[in-house]
Amino acid sequence: GQPLPGEALAVLRQLLDGLRGELGTTLRGLLSEPEVVAVEHPLLRLLSTSKHPLPSEDWPAIPWPPF
């Protein structure tokens, strides 16, 4: 829930621009469309909230079982 630093937001915007441009074209040659979209959606969510995501209450916030 903490705000993302401006530098992180700038990198996320660059990544999103890349996914909508040459990087996206390259990835679509290697991944399926749903896989590329699965990368884009979290970027859009992070950019719209400008905050670190909170852990889900549906599962533990650490790998489980811990090793």
N, C-alpha and C. Protein backbone atom coordinates (compact mmCIF):
# COMPACT_ATOMS: atom_id res chain seq x y z
N GLY A 1 0.79 -1.20 0.00
CA GLY A 1 0.00 0.00 0.00
C GLY A 1 0.83 1.27 0.00
N GLN A 2 2.15 1.15 0.12
CA GLN A 2 3.00 2.33 0.13
C GLN A 2 3.13 2.90 -1.30
N PRO A 3 3.29 4.21 -1.42
CA PRO A 3 3.44 4.81 -2.76
C PRO A 3 4.70 4.31 -3.46
N LEU A 4 4.59 4.12 -4.76
CA LEU A 4 5.74 3.75 -5.57
C LEU A 4 6.58 5.00 -5.81
N PRO A 5 7.91 4.87 -5.76
CA PRO A 5 8.75 6.04 -6.06
C PRO A 5 8.59 6.46 -7.52
N GLY A 6 8.83 7.72 -7.78
CA GLY A 6 8.72 8.26 -9.13
C GLY A 6 9.57 7.51 -10.14
N GLU A 7 10.78 7.07 -9.70
CA GLU A 7 11.66 6.34 -10.61
C GLU A 7 11.02 5.02 -11.03
N ALA A 8 10.37 4.36 -10.09
CA ALA A 8 9.71 3.07 -10.40
C ALA A 8 8.56 3.29 -11.37
N LEU A 9 7.79 4.35 -11.15
CA LEU A 9 6.68 4.64 -12.05
C LEU A 9 7.18 4.94 -13.46
N ALA A 10 8.31 5.63 -13.55
CA ALA A 10 8.88 5.94 -14.87
C ALA A 10 9.29 4.65 -15.58
N VAL A 11 9.89 3.71 -14.85
CA VAL A 11 10.29 2.43 -15.45
C VAL A 11 9.06 1.64 -15.87
N LEU A 12 8.02 1.65 -15.06
CA LEU A 12 6.79 0.93 -15.41
C LEU A 12 6.16 1.53 -16.66
N ARG A 13 6.18 2.86 -16.80
CA ARG A 13 5.63 3.51 -18.00
C ARG A 13 6.44 3.11 -19.23
N GLN A 14 7.78 3.06 -19.08
CA GLN A 14 8.63 2.65 -20.20
C GLN A 14 8.32 1.21 -20.61
N LEU A 15 8.14 0.34 -19.62
CA LEU A 15 7.82 -1.05 -19.91
C LEU A 15 6.49 -1.15 -20.63
N LEU A 16 5.50 -0.42 -20.16
CA LEU A 16 4.18 -0.45 -20.82
C LEU A 16 4.29 0.07 -22.25
N ASP A 17 5.02 1.16 -22.44
CA ASP A 17 5.22 1.67 -23.80
C ASP A 17 5.90 0.62 -24.68
N GLY A 18 6.89 -0.07 -24.11
CA GLY A 18 7.57 -1.13 -24.85
C GLY A 18 6.64 -2.27 -25.22
N LEU A 19 5.77 -2.65 -24.27
CA LEU A 19 4.82 -3.73 -24.55
C LEU A 19 3.85 -3.35 -25.65
N ARG A 20 3.59 -2.08 -25.78
CA ARG A 20 2.68 -1.61 -26.82
C ARG A 20 3.41 -1.28 -28.12
N GLY A 21 4.72 -1.52 -28.12
CA GLY A 21 5.54 -1.24 -29.29
C GLY A 21 6.38 -2.44 -29.68
N GLU A 22 7.67 -2.18 -29.88
CA GLU A 22 8.58 -3.20 -30.39
C GLU A 22 8.74 -4.38 -29.43
N LEU A 23 8.83 -4.12 -28.13
CA LEU A 23 8.94 -5.23 -27.18
C LEU A 23 7.73 -6.14 -27.26
N GLY A 24 6.53 -5.56 -27.35
CA GLY A 24 5.31 -6.35 -27.47
C GLY A 24 5.30 -7.19 -28.73
N THR A 25 5.77 -6.62 -29.82
CA THR A 25 5.85 -7.37 -31.08
C THR A 25 6.78 -8.57 -30.93
N THR A 26 7.93 -8.34 -30.31
CA THR A 26 8.88 -9.42 -30.10
C THR A 26 8.30 -10.49 -29.19
N LEU A 27 7.68 -10.06 -28.08
CA LEU A 27 7.12 -11.03 -27.14
C LEU A 27 5.99 -11.84 -27.76
N ARG A 28 5.20 -11.22 -28.62
CA ARG A 28 4.10 -11.95 -29.26
C ARG A 28 4.60 -13.03 -30.20
N GLY A 29 5.86 -12.92 -30.62
CA GLY A 29 6.47 -13.99 -31.41
C GLY A 29 6.93 -15.15 -30.55
N LEU A 30 7.02 -14.92 -29.24
CA LEU A 30 7.52 -15.95 -28.32
C LEU A 30 6.46 -16.45 -27.35
N LEU A 31 5.48 -15.61 -27.05
CA LEU A 31 4.44 -15.94 -26.07
C LEU A 31 3.07 -15.83 -26.72
N SER A 32 2.09 -16.43 -26.07
CA SER A 32 0.72 -16.28 -26.56
C SER A 32 0.18 -14.89 -26.16
N GLU A 33 -0.87 -14.47 -26.83
CA GLU A 33 -1.48 -13.18 -26.51
C GLU A 33 -1.92 -13.10 -25.05
N PRO A 34 -2.57 -14.16 -24.50
CA PRO A 34 -2.95 -14.08 -23.08
C PRO A 34 -1.73 -13.92 -22.15
N GLU A 35 -0.58 -14.48 -22.51
CA GLU A 35 0.61 -14.33 -21.68
C GLU A 35 1.12 -12.89 -21.71
N VAL A 36 1.06 -12.26 -22.88
CA VAL A 36 1.49 -10.86 -22.97
C VAL A 36 0.52 -9.97 -22.20
N VAL A 37 -0.76 -10.24 -22.32
CA VAL A 37 -1.77 -9.47 -21.59
C VAL A 37 -1.59 -9.66 -20.09
N ALA A 38 -1.19 -10.86 -19.68
CA ALA A 38 -0.97 -11.14 -18.26
C ALA A 38 0.18 -10.31 -17.70
N VAL A 39 1.07 -9.84 -18.54
CA VAL A 39 2.14 -8.94 -18.11
C VAL A 39 1.62 -7.50 -18.09
N GLU A 40 0.80 -7.15 -19.06
CA GLU A 40 0.32 -5.77 -19.19
C GLU A 40 -0.66 -5.38 -18.08
N HIS A 41 -1.55 -6.26 -17.71
CA HIS A 41 -2.58 -5.91 -16.72
C HIS A 41 -2.01 -5.47 -15.37
N PRO A 42 -1.04 -6.19 -14.79
CA PRO A 42 -0.47 -5.70 -13.53
C PRO A 42 0.22 -4.34 -13.68
N LEU A 43 0.83 -4.12 -14.83
CA LEU A 43 1.45 -2.81 -15.07
C LEU A 43 0.40 -1.70 -15.03
N LEU A 44 -0.72 -1.94 -15.70
CA LEU A 44 -1.80 -0.94 -15.71
C LEU A 44 -2.33 -0.70 -14.29
N ARG A 45 -2.45 -1.77 -13.51
CA ARG A 45 -2.94 -1.63 -12.13
C ARG A 45 -1.95 -0.83 -11.29
N LEU A 46 -0.65 -1.14 -11.42
CA LEU A 46 0.35 -0.41 -10.65
C LEU A 46 0.38 1.06 -11.04
N LEU A 47 0.28 1.34 -12.33
CA LEU A 47 0.31 2.72 -12.78
C LEU A 47 -0.95 3.47 -12.37
N SER A 48 -2.09 2.80 -12.32
CA SER A 48 -3.33 3.48 -11.95
C SER A 48 -3.39 3.79 -10.45
N THR A 49 -2.78 2.93 -9.63
CA THR A 49 -2.81 3.16 -8.19
C THR A 49 -1.58 3.90 -7.69
N SER A 50 -0.45 3.75 -8.39
CA SER A 50 0.84 4.33 -7.99
C SER A 50 1.28 3.85 -6.61
N LYS A 51 0.83 2.64 -6.25
CA LYS A 51 1.17 2.08 -4.93
C LYS A 51 1.65 0.64 -5.08
N HIS A 52 2.50 0.22 -4.11
CA HIS A 52 2.87 -1.19 -4.04
C HIS A 52 1.61 -2.00 -3.74
N PRO A 53 1.44 -3.15 -4.38
CA PRO A 53 0.25 -3.95 -4.08
C PRO A 53 0.33 -4.56 -2.68
N LEU A 54 -0.82 -4.75 -2.10
CA LEU A 54 -0.90 -5.42 -0.80
C LEU A 54 -0.97 -6.93 -1.04
N PRO A 55 -0.48 -7.72 -0.09
CA PRO A 55 -0.60 -9.17 -0.25
C PRO A 55 -2.07 -9.60 -0.31
N SER A 56 -2.33 -10.63 -1.06
CA SER A 56 -3.69 -11.16 -1.14
C SER A 56 -4.04 -11.87 0.16
N GLU A 57 -5.28 -11.79 0.54
CA GLU A 57 -5.74 -12.52 1.72
C GLU A 57 -6.12 -13.96 1.39
N ASP A 58 -6.04 -14.32 0.09
CA ASP A 58 -6.43 -15.65 -0.36
C ASP A 58 -5.35 -16.70 -0.11
N TRP A 59 -4.12 -16.28 0.12
CA TRP A 59 -3.04 -17.23 0.34
C TRP A 59 -1.94 -16.54 1.14
N PRO A 60 -1.00 -17.31 1.70
CA PRO A 60 0.07 -16.70 2.49
C PRO A 60 0.92 -15.75 1.63
N ALA A 61 1.46 -14.73 2.26
CA ALA A 61 2.27 -13.74 1.56
C ALA A 61 3.69 -14.23 1.30
N ILE A 62 4.01 -15.41 1.77
CA ILE A 62 5.33 -16.00 1.53
C ILE A 62 5.11 -17.32 0.78
N PRO A 63 6.12 -17.80 0.07
CA PRO A 63 5.96 -19.11 -0.57
C PRO A 63 5.54 -20.15 0.47
N TRP A 64 4.60 -20.98 0.11
CA TRP A 64 4.09 -21.97 1.07
C TRP A 64 4.10 -23.34 0.44
N PRO A 65 4.57 -24.34 1.07
CA PRO A 65 5.18 -24.30 2.40
C PRO A 65 6.54 -23.64 2.35
N PRO A 66 6.93 -22.98 3.44
CA PRO A 66 8.24 -22.34 3.44
C PRO A 66 9.33 -23.41 3.35
N PHE A 67 10.42 -23.06 2.72
CA PHE A 67 11.50 -24.03 2.59
C PHE A 67 12.80 -23.44 3.08
